[in-house]
């Protein structure tokens, strides 16, 4: 995007905000609890995703004894083959 297009967009947006009439909107008390429920649901969803993929992530970085034994036996086989 060029600078002139960005400038034109910003000017148009500011003009739109400047001529907007008041909305006289009313937010009832239930709106705050709805927003709180939405945020708590998002946090709970993120925690579930972390829980589901945490085992896979730690398994990727974990170096367990079985893999150490396999690597040691492969190294010994390579040494025996080269002799």
PDB file of N, CA and C in Angstrom:
ATOM      1  N   UNK A   1       0.839  -1.167   0.000  1.00  0.00           N
ATOM      2  CA  UNK A   1       0.000   0.000   0.000  1.00  0.00           C
ATOM      3  C   UNK A   1       0.892   1.241   0.000  1.00  0.00           C
ATOM      4  N   UNK A   2       0.547   2.169  -0.813  1.00  0.00           N
ATOM      5  CA  UNK A   2       1.361   3.373  -0.897  1.00  0.00           C
ATOM      6  C   UNK A   2       0.951   4.350   0.198  1.00  0.00           C
ATOM      7  N   UNK A   3       1.810   5.328   0.406  1.00  0.00           N
ATOM      8  CA  UNK A   3       1.554   6.317   1.452  1.00  0.00           C
ATOM      9  C   UNK A   3       0.313   7.142   1.149  1.00  0.00           C
ATOM     10  N   UNK A   4       0.070   7.428  -0.137  1.00  0.00           N
ATOM     11  CA  UNK A   4      -1.103   8.240  -0.480  1.00  0.00           C
ATOM     12  C   UNK A   4      -2.402   7.480  -0.211  1.00  0.00           C
ATOM     13  N   UNK A   5      -2.403   6.157  -0.427  1.00  0.00           N
ATOM     14  CA  UNK A   5      -3.603   5.371  -0.135  1.00  0.00           C
ATOM     15  C   UNK A   5      -3.855   5.294   1.370  1.00  0.00           C
ATOM     16  N   UNK A   6      -2.803   5.154   2.138  1.00  0.00           N
ATOM     17  CA  UNK A   6      -2.939   5.112   3.594  1.00  0.00           C
ATOM     18  C   UNK A   6      -3.454   6.452   4.096  1.00  0.00           C
ATOM     19  N   UNK A   7      -2.898   7.531   3.577  1.00  0.00           N
ATOM     20  CA  UNK A   7      -3.337   8.870   3.973  1.00  0.00           C
ATOM     21  C   UNK A   7      -4.806   9.081   3.631  1.00  0.00           C
ATOM     22  N   UNK A   8      -5.224   8.656   2.445  1.00  0.00           N
ATOM     23  CA  UNK A   8      -6.613   8.792   2.027  1.00  0.00           C
ATOM     24  C   UNK A   8      -7.532   7.968   2.933  1.00  0.00           C
ATOM     25  N   UNK A   9      -7.121   6.773   3.293  1.00  0.00           N
ATOM     26  CA  UNK A   9      -7.915   5.929   4.183  1.00  0.00           C
ATOM     27  C   UNK A   9      -8.069   6.575   5.562  1.00  0.00           C
ATOM     28  N   UNK A  10      -6.974   7.086   6.105  1.00  0.00           N
ATOM     29  CA  UNK A  10      -7.015   7.720   7.427  1.00  0.00           C
ATOM     30  C   UNK A  10      -7.899   8.956   7.401  1.00  0.00           C
ATOM     31  N   UNK A  11      -7.777   9.759   6.380  1.00  0.00           N
ATOM     32  CA  UNK A  11      -8.608  10.968   6.274  1.00  0.00           C
ATOM     33  C   UNK A  11     -10.084  10.608   6.160  1.00  0.00           C
ATOM     34  N   UNK A  12     -10.398   9.581   5.377  1.00  0.00           N
ATOM     35  CA  UNK A  12     -11.786   9.158   5.219  1.00  0.00           C
ATOM     36  C   UNK A  12     -12.346   8.636   6.536  1.00  0.00           C
ATOM     37  N   UNK A  13     -11.556   7.852   7.261  1.00  0.00           N
ATOM     38  CA  UNK A  13     -12.000   7.318   8.543  1.00  0.00           C
ATOM     39  C   UNK A  13     -12.226   8.441   9.552  1.00  0.00           C
ATOM     40  N   UNK A  14     -11.316   9.393   9.620  1.00  0.00           N
ATOM     41  CA  UNK A  14     -11.483  10.521  10.538  1.00  0.00           C
ATOM     42  C   UNK A  14     -12.704  11.358  10.178  1.00  0.00           C
ATOM     43  N   UNK A  15     -12.950  11.552   8.911  1.00  0.00           N
ATOM     44  CA  UNK A  15     -14.127  12.305   8.469  1.00  0.00           C
ATOM     45  C   UNK A  15     -15.395  11.558   8.878  1.00  0.00           C
ATOM     46  N   UNK A  16     -15.392  10.239   8.713  1.00  0.00           N
ATOM     47  CA  UNK A  16     -16.559   9.444   9.099  1.00  0.00           C
ATOM     48  C   UNK A  16     -16.831   9.525  10.587  1.00  0.00           C
ATOM     49  N   UNK A  17     -15.792   9.520  11.401  1.00  0.00           N
ATOM     50  CA  UNK A  17     -15.969   9.643  12.845  1.00  0.00           C
ATOM     51  C   UNK A  17     -16.420  11.050  13.236  1.00  0.00           C
ATOM     52  N   UNK A  18     -15.991  12.057  12.487  1.00  0.00           N
ATOM     53  CA  UNK A  18     -16.314  13.441  12.832  1.00  0.00           C
ATOM     54  C   UNK A  18     -17.778  13.763  12.561  1.00  0.00           C
ATOM     55  N   UNK A  19     -18.368  13.196  11.524  1.00  0.00           N
ATOM     56  CA  UNK A  19     -19.745  13.542  11.178  1.00  0.00           C
ATOM     57  C   UNK A  19     -20.761  12.573  11.774  1.00  0.00           C
ATOM     58  N   UNK A  20     -20.323  11.580  12.517  1.00  0.00           N
ATOM     59  CA  UNK A  20     -21.253  10.607  13.098  1.00  0.00           C
ATOM     60  C   UNK A  20     -22.121  11.279  14.151  1.00  0.00           C
ATOM     61  N   UNK A  21     -23.395  10.944  14.141  1.00  0.00           N
ATOM     62  CA  UNK A  21     -24.306  11.508  15.128  1.00  0.00           C
ATOM     63  C   UNK A  21     -24.301  10.630  16.381  1.00  0.00           C
ATOM     64  N   UNK A  22     -24.684  11.175  17.521  1.00  0.00           N
ATOM     65  CA  UNK A  22     -24.711  10.382  18.740  1.00  0.00           C
ATOM     66  C   UNK A  22     -25.694   9.213  18.618  1.00  0.00           C
ATOM     67  N   UNK A  23     -25.368   8.093  19.195  1.00  0.00           N
ATOM     68  CA  UNK A  23     -26.204   6.903  19.074  1.00  0.00           C
ATOM     69  C   UNK A  23     -27.221   6.802  20.188  1.00  0.00           C
ATOM     70  N   UNK A  24     -27.004   7.453  21.305  1.00  0.00           N
ATOM     71  CA  UNK A  24     -27.868   7.366  22.473  1.00  0.00           C
ATOM     72  C   UNK A  24     -28.107   5.901  22.849  1.00  0.00           C
ATOM     73  N   UNK A  25     -27.026   5.131  22.847  1.00  0.00           N
ATOM     74  CA  UNK A  25     -27.120   3.703  23.125  1.00  0.00           C
ATOM     75  C   UNK A  25     -27.174   3.455  24.623  1.00  0.00           C
ATOM     76  N   UNK A  26     -27.771   2.338  24.983  1.00  0.00           N
ATOM     77  CA  UNK A  26     -27.898   1.957  26.385  1.00  0.00           C
ATOM     78  C   UNK A  26     -27.296   0.578  26.568  1.00  0.00           C
ATOM     79  N   UNK A  27     -26.393   0.448  27.511  1.00  0.00           N
ATOM     80  CA  UNK A  27     -25.811  -0.847  27.843  1.00  0.00           C
ATOM     81  C   UNK A  27     -26.378  -1.266  29.190  1.00  0.00           C
ATOM     82  N   UNK A  28     -27.155  -2.327  29.199  1.00  0.00           N
ATOM     83  CA  UNK A  28     -27.751  -2.773  30.450  1.00  0.00           C
ATOM     84  C   UNK A  28     -26.728  -3.548  31.284  1.00  0.00           C
ATOM     85  N   UNK A  29     -27.022  -3.810  32.547  1.00  0.00           N
ATOM     86  CA  UNK A  29     -26.073  -4.500  33.418  1.00  0.00           C
ATOM     87  C   UNK A  29     -25.711  -5.905  32.937  1.00  0.00           C
ATOM     88  N   UNK A  30     -26.561  -6.543  32.164  1.00  0.00           N
ATOM     89  CA  UNK A  30     -26.267  -7.882  31.655  1.00  0.00           C
ATOM     90  C   UNK A  30     -25.130  -7.893  30.648  1.00  0.00           C
ATOM     91  N   UNK A  31     -24.838  -6.747  30.044  1.00  0.00           N
ATOM     92  CA  UNK A  31     -23.768  -6.677  29.052  1.00  0.00           C
ATOM     93  C   UNK A  31     -22.415  -6.957  29.686  1.00  0.00           C
ATOM     94  N   UNK A  32     -22.179  -6.418  30.869  1.00  0.00           N
ATOM     95  CA  UNK A  32     -20.900  -6.650  31.545  1.00  0.00           C
ATOM     96  C   UNK A  32     -20.702  -8.117  31.893  1.00  0.00           C
ATOM     97  N   UNK A  33     -21.765  -8.762  32.373  1.00  0.00           N
ATOM     98  CA  UNK A  33     -21.630 -10.183  32.708  1.00  0.00           C
ATOM     99  C   UNK A  33     -21.455 -11.026  31.455  1.00  0.00           C
ATOM    100  N   UNK A  34     -22.076 -10.611  30.348  1.00  0.00           N
ATOM    101  CA  UNK A  34     -21.903 -11.332  29.096  1.00  0.00           C
ATOM    102  C   UNK A  34     -20.455 -11.227  28.608  1.00  0.00           C
ATOM    103  N   UNK A  35     -19.864 -10.044  28.705  1.00  0.00           N
ATOM    104  CA  UNK A  35     -18.473  -9.867  28.299  1.00  0.00           C
ATOM    105  C   UNK A  35     -17.528 -10.654  29.210  1.00  0.00           C
ATOM    106  N   UNK A  36     -17.816 -10.667  30.505  1.00  0.00           N
ATOM    107  CA  UNK A  36     -17.009 -11.446  31.436  1.00  0.00           C
ATOM    108  C   UNK A  36     -17.099 -12.928  31.117  1.00  0.00           C
ATOM    109  N   UNK A  37     -18.283 -13.411  30.808  1.00  0.00           N
ATOM    110  CA  UNK A  37     -18.483 -14.811  30.458  1.00  0.00           C
ATOM    111  C   UNK A  37     -17.741 -15.149  29.162  1.00  0.00           C
ATOM    112  N   UNK A  38     -17.741 -14.244  28.210  1.00  0.00           N
ATOM    113  CA  UNK A  38     -17.027 -14.449  26.960  1.00  0.00           C
ATOM    114  C   UNK A  38     -15.523 -14.568  27.205  1.00  0.00           C
ATOM    115  N   UNK A  39     -14.979 -13.693  28.037  1.00  0.00           N
ATOM    116  CA  UNK A  39     -13.535 -13.744  28.337  1.00  0.00           C
ATOM    117  C   UNK A  39     -13.179 -15.016  29.094  1.00  0.00           C
ATOM    118  N   UNK A  40     -13.980 -15.400  30.079  1.00  0.00           N
ATOM    119  CA  UNK A  40     -13.696 -16.617  30.841  1.00  0.00           C
ATOM    120  C   UNK A  40     -13.802 -17.862  29.959  1.00  0.00           C
ATOM    121  N   UNK A  41     -14.747 -17.870  29.037  1.00  0.00           N
ATOM    122  CA  UNK A  41     -14.861 -18.982  28.094  1.00  0.00           C
ATOM    123  C   UNK A  41     -13.654 -19.067  27.180  1.00  0.00           C
ATOM    124  N   UNK A  42     -13.133 -17.927  26.752  1.00  0.00           N
ATOM    125  CA  UNK A  42     -11.930 -17.913  25.920  1.00  0.00           C
ATOM    126  C   UNK A  42     -10.721 -18.440  26.669  1.00  0.00           C
ATOM    127  N   UNK A  43     -10.582 -18.027  27.921  1.00  0.00           N
ATOM    128  CA  UNK A  43      -9.467 -18.515  28.746  1.00  0.00           C
ATOM    129  C   UNK A  43      -9.590 -20.020  28.965  1.00  0.00           C
ATOM    130  N   UNK A  44     -10.806 -20.503  29.237  1.00  0.00           N
ATOM    131  CA  UNK A  44     -11.014 -21.941  29.437  1.00  0.00           C
ATOM    132  C   UNK A  44     -10.689 -22.711  28.157  1.00  0.00           C
ATOM    133  N   UNK A  45     -11.078 -22.169  27.019  1.00  0.00           N
ATOM    134  CA  UNK A  45     -10.759 -22.810  25.744  1.00  0.00           C
ATOM    135  C   UNK A  45      -9.266 -22.891  25.505  1.00  0.00           C
ATOM    136  N   UNK A  46      -8.550 -21.816  25.809  1.00  0.00           N
ATOM    137  CA  UNK A  46      -7.097 -21.824  25.646  1.00  0.00           C
ATOM    138  C   UNK A  46      -6.436 -22.838  26.568  1.00  0.00           C
ATOM    139  N   UNK A  47      -6.948 -22.941  27.799  1.00  0.00           N
ATOM    140  CA  UNK A  47      -6.385 -23.919  28.730  1.00  0.00           C
ATOM    141  C   UNK A  47      -6.609 -25.347  28.249  1.00  0.00           C
ATOM    142  N   UNK A  48      -7.757 -25.618  27.653  1.00  0.00           N
ATOM    143  CA  UNK A  48      -8.018 -26.955  27.109  1.00  0.00           C
ATOM    144  C   UNK A  48      -7.078 -27.260  25.959  1.00  0.00           C
ATOM    145  N   UNK A  49      -6.855 -26.285  25.086  1.00  0.00           N
ATOM    146  CA  UNK A  49      -5.931 -26.490  23.968  1.00  0.00           C
ATOM    147  C   UNK A  49      -4.524 -26.750  24.475  1.00  0.00           C
ATOM    148  N   UNK A  50      -4.084 -25.988  25.467  1.00  0.00           N
ATOM    149  CA  UNK A  50      -2.751 -26.192  26.041  1.00  0.00           C
ATOM    150  C   UNK A  50      -2.656 -27.580  26.655  1.00  0.00           C
ATOM    151  N   UNK A  51      -3.703 -28.005  27.350  1.00  0.00           N
ATOM    152  CA  UNK A  51      -3.695 -29.322  27.980  1.00  0.00           C
ATOM    153  C   UNK A  51      -3.616 -30.427  26.925  1.00  0.00           C
ATOM    154  N   UNK A  52      -4.324 -30.266  25.826  1.00  0.00           N
ATOM    155  CA  UNK A  52      -4.325 -31.293  24.787  1.00  0.00           C
ATOM    156  C   UNK A  52      -2.972 -31.430  24.102  1.00  0.00           C
ATOM    157  N   UNK A  53      -2.298 -30.324  23.867  1.00  0.00           N
ATOM    158  CA  UNK A  53      -1.057 -30.368  23.130  1.00  0.00           C
ATOM    159  C   UNK A  53       0.186 -30.323  24.001  1.00  0.00           C
ATOM    160  N   UNK A  54       0.039 -30.197  25.316  1.00  0.00           N
ATOM    161  CA  UNK A  54       1.194 -30.116  26.200  1.00  0.00           C
ATOM    162  C   UNK A  54       1.986 -31.417  26.193  1.00  0.00           C
ATOM    163  N   UNK A  55       1.292 -32.540  26.186  1.00  0.00           N
ATOM    164  CA  UNK A  55       1.974 -33.838  26.192  1.00  0.00           C
ATOM    165  C   UNK A  55       2.774 -34.030  24.909  1.00  0.00           C
ATOM    166  N   UNK A  56       2.209 -33.658  23.785  1.00  0.00           N
ATOM    167  CA  UNK A  56       2.928 -33.775  22.515  1.00  0.00           C
ATOM    168  C   UNK A  56       4.152 -32.872  22.496  1.00  0.00           C
ATOM    169  N   UNK A  57       4.000 -31.674  23.018  1.00  0.00           N
ATOM    170  CA  UNK A  57       5.102 -30.718  23.028  1.00  0.00           C
ATOM    171  C   UNK A  57       6.233 -31.182  23.938  1.00  0.00           C
ATOM    172  N   UNK A  58       5.895 -31.644  25.134  1.00  0.00           N
ATOM    173  CA  UNK A  58       6.944 -32.105  26.047  1.00  0.00           C
ATOM    174  C   UNK A  58       7.564 -33.402  25.553  1.00  0.00           C
ATOM    175  N   UNK A  59       6.778 -34.254  24.906  1.00  0.00           N
ATOM    176  CA  UNK A  59       7.320 -35.492  24.346  1.00  0.00           C
ATOM    177  C   UNK A  59       8.320 -35.220  23.236  1.00  0.00           C
ATOM    178  N   UNK A  60       8.105 -34.138  22.513  1.00  0.00           N
ATOM    179  CA  UNK A  60       9.031 -33.776  21.441  1.00  0.00           C
ATOM    180  C   UNK A  60      10.395 -33.374  21.996  1.00  0.00           C
ATOM    181  N   UNK A  61      10.409 -32.700  23.124  1.00  0.00           N
ATOM    182  CA  UNK A  61      11.660 -32.214  23.703  1.00  0.00           C
ATOM    183  C   UNK A  61      12.258 -33.163  24.745  1.00  0.00           C
ATOM    184  N   UNK A  62      11.516 -34.198  25.130  1.00  0.00           N
ATOM    185  CA  UNK A  62      11.981 -35.113  26.165  1.00  0.00           C
ATOM    186  C   UNK A  62      12.940 -36.139  25.560  1.00  0.00           C
ATOM    187  N   UNK A  63      13.964 -36.466  26.302  1.00  0.00           N
ATOM    188  CA  UNK A  63      14.945 -37.474  25.897  1.00  0.00           C
ATOM    189  C   UNK A  63      14.829 -38.604  26.903  1.00  0.00           C
ATOM    190  N   UNK A  64      14.047 -39.642  26.554  1.00  0.00           N
ATOM    191  CA  UNK A  64      13.819 -40.706  27.517  1.00  0.00           C
ATOM    192  C   UNK A  64      14.861 -41.821  27.373  1.00  0.00           C
ATOM    193  N   UNK A  65      14.844 -42.770  28.304  1.00  0.00           N
ATOM    194  CA  UNK A  65      15.866 -43.811  28.340  1.00  0.00           C
ATOM    195  C   UNK A  65      15.730 -44.774  27.168  1.00  0.00           C
ATOM    196  N   UNK A  66      14.520 -45.007  26.682  1.00  0.00           N
ATOM    197  CA  UNK A  66      14.349 -45.919  25.550  1.00  0.00           C
ATOM    198  C   UNK A  66      15.064 -45.403  24.311  1.00  0.00           C
ATOM    199  N   UNK A  67      14.940 -44.131  24.045  1.00  0.00           N
ATOM    200  CA  UNK A  67      15.604 -43.580  22.870  1.00  0.00           C
ATOM    201  C   UNK A  67      17.118 -43.570  23.063  1.00  0.00           C
ATOM    202  N   UNK A  68      17.591 -43.416  24.298  1.00  0.00           N
ATOM    203  CA  UNK A  68      19.033 -43.464  24.556  1.00  0.00           C
ATOM    204  C   UNK A  68      19.569 -44.861  24.290  1.00  0.00           C
ATOM    205  N   UNK A  69      18.818 -45.899  24.681  1.00  0.00           N
ATOM    206  CA  UNK A  69      19.253 -47.270  24.426  1.00  0.00           C
ATOM    207  C   UNK A  69      19.264 -47.575  22.933  1.00  0.00           C
ATOM    208  N   UNK A  70      18.266 -47.105  22.219  1.00  0.00           N
ATOM    209  CA  UNK A  70      18.210 -47.330  20.772  1.00  0.00           C
ATOM    210  C   UNK A  70      19.375 -46.649  20.086  1.00  0.00           C
ATOM    211  N   UNK A  71      19.678 -45.417  20.486  1.00  0.00           N
ATOM    212  CA  UNK A  71      20.802 -44.699  19.883  1.00  0.00           C
ATOM    213  C   UNK A  71      22.119 -45.396  20.201  1.00  0.00           C
ATOM    214  N   UNK A  72      22.265 -45.918  21.404  1.00  0.00           N
ATOM    215  CA  UNK A  72      23.501 -46.594  21.784  1.00  0.00           C
ATOM    216  C   UNK A  72      23.664 -47.877  20.984  1.00  0.00           C
ATOM    217  N   UNK A  73      22.579 -48.631  20.792  1.00  0.00           N
ATOM    218  CA  UNK A  73      22.690 -49.876  20.022  1.00  0.00           C
ATOM    219  C   UNK A  73      22.979 -49.578  18.558  1.00  0.00           C
ATOM    220  N   UNK A  74      22.397 -48.515  18.008  1.00  0.00           N
ATOM    221  CA  UNK A  74      22.689 -48.140  16.621  1.00  0.00           C
ATOM    222  C   UNK A  74      24.149 -47.738  16.465  1.00  0.00           C
ATOM    223  N   UNK A  75      24.681 -47.030  17.448  1.00  0.00           N
ATOM    224  CA  UNK A  75      26.086 -46.617  17.397  1.00  0.00           C
ATOM    225  C   UNK A  75      26.998 -47.836  17.457  1.00  0.00           C
ATOM    226  N   UNK A  76      26.660 -48.807  18.295  1.00  0.00           N
ATOM    227  CA  UNK A  76      27.466 -50.020  18.385  1.00  0.00           C
ATOM    228  C   UNK A  76      27.401 -50.808  17.088  1.00  0.00           C
ATOM    229  N   UNK A  77      26.244 -50.891  16.457  1.00  0.00           N
ATOM    230  CA  UNK A  77      26.114 -51.608  15.193  1.00  0.00           C
ATOM    231  C   UNK A  77      26.945 -50.926  14.105  1.00  0.00           C
ATOM    232  N   UNK A  78      26.963 -49.623  14.073  1.00  0.00           N
ATOM    233  CA  UNK A  78      27.756 -48.906  13.089  1.00  0.00           C
ATOM    234  C   UNK A  78      29.244 -49.153  13.314  1.00  0.00           C
ATOM    235  N   UNK A  79      29.651 -49.174  14.599  1.00  0.00           N
ATOM    236  CA  UNK A  79      31.052 -49.447  14.900  1.00  0.00           C
ATOM    237  C   UNK A  79      31.442 -50.866  14.505  1.00  0.00           C
ATOM    238  N   UNK A  80      30.553 -51.835  14.729  1.00  0.00           N
ATOM    239  CA  UNK A  80      30.832 -53.218  14.372  1.00  0.00           C
ATOM    240  C   UNK A  80      30.875 -53.381  12.851  1.00  0.00           C
ATOM    241  N   UNK A  81      30.023 -52.682  12.131  1.00  0.00           N
ATOM    242  CA  UNK A  81      29.986 -52.766  10.671  1.00  0.00           C
ATOM    243  C   UNK A  81      31.229 -52.161  10.052  1.00  0.00           C
ATOM    244  N   UNK A  82      31.759 -51.121  10.652  1.00  0.00           N
ATOM    245  CA  UNK A  82      32.916 -50.440  10.079  1.00  0.00           C
ATOM    246  C   UNK A  82      34.212 -51.221  10.296  1.00  0.00           C
ATOM    247  N   UNK A  83      34.227 -52.166  11.221  1.00  0.00           N
ATOM    248  CA  UNK A  83      35.445 -52.942  11.501  1.00  0.00           C
ATOM    249  C   UNK A  83      35.652 -54.051  10.555  1.00  0.00           C
TER     250      UNK A  83
END
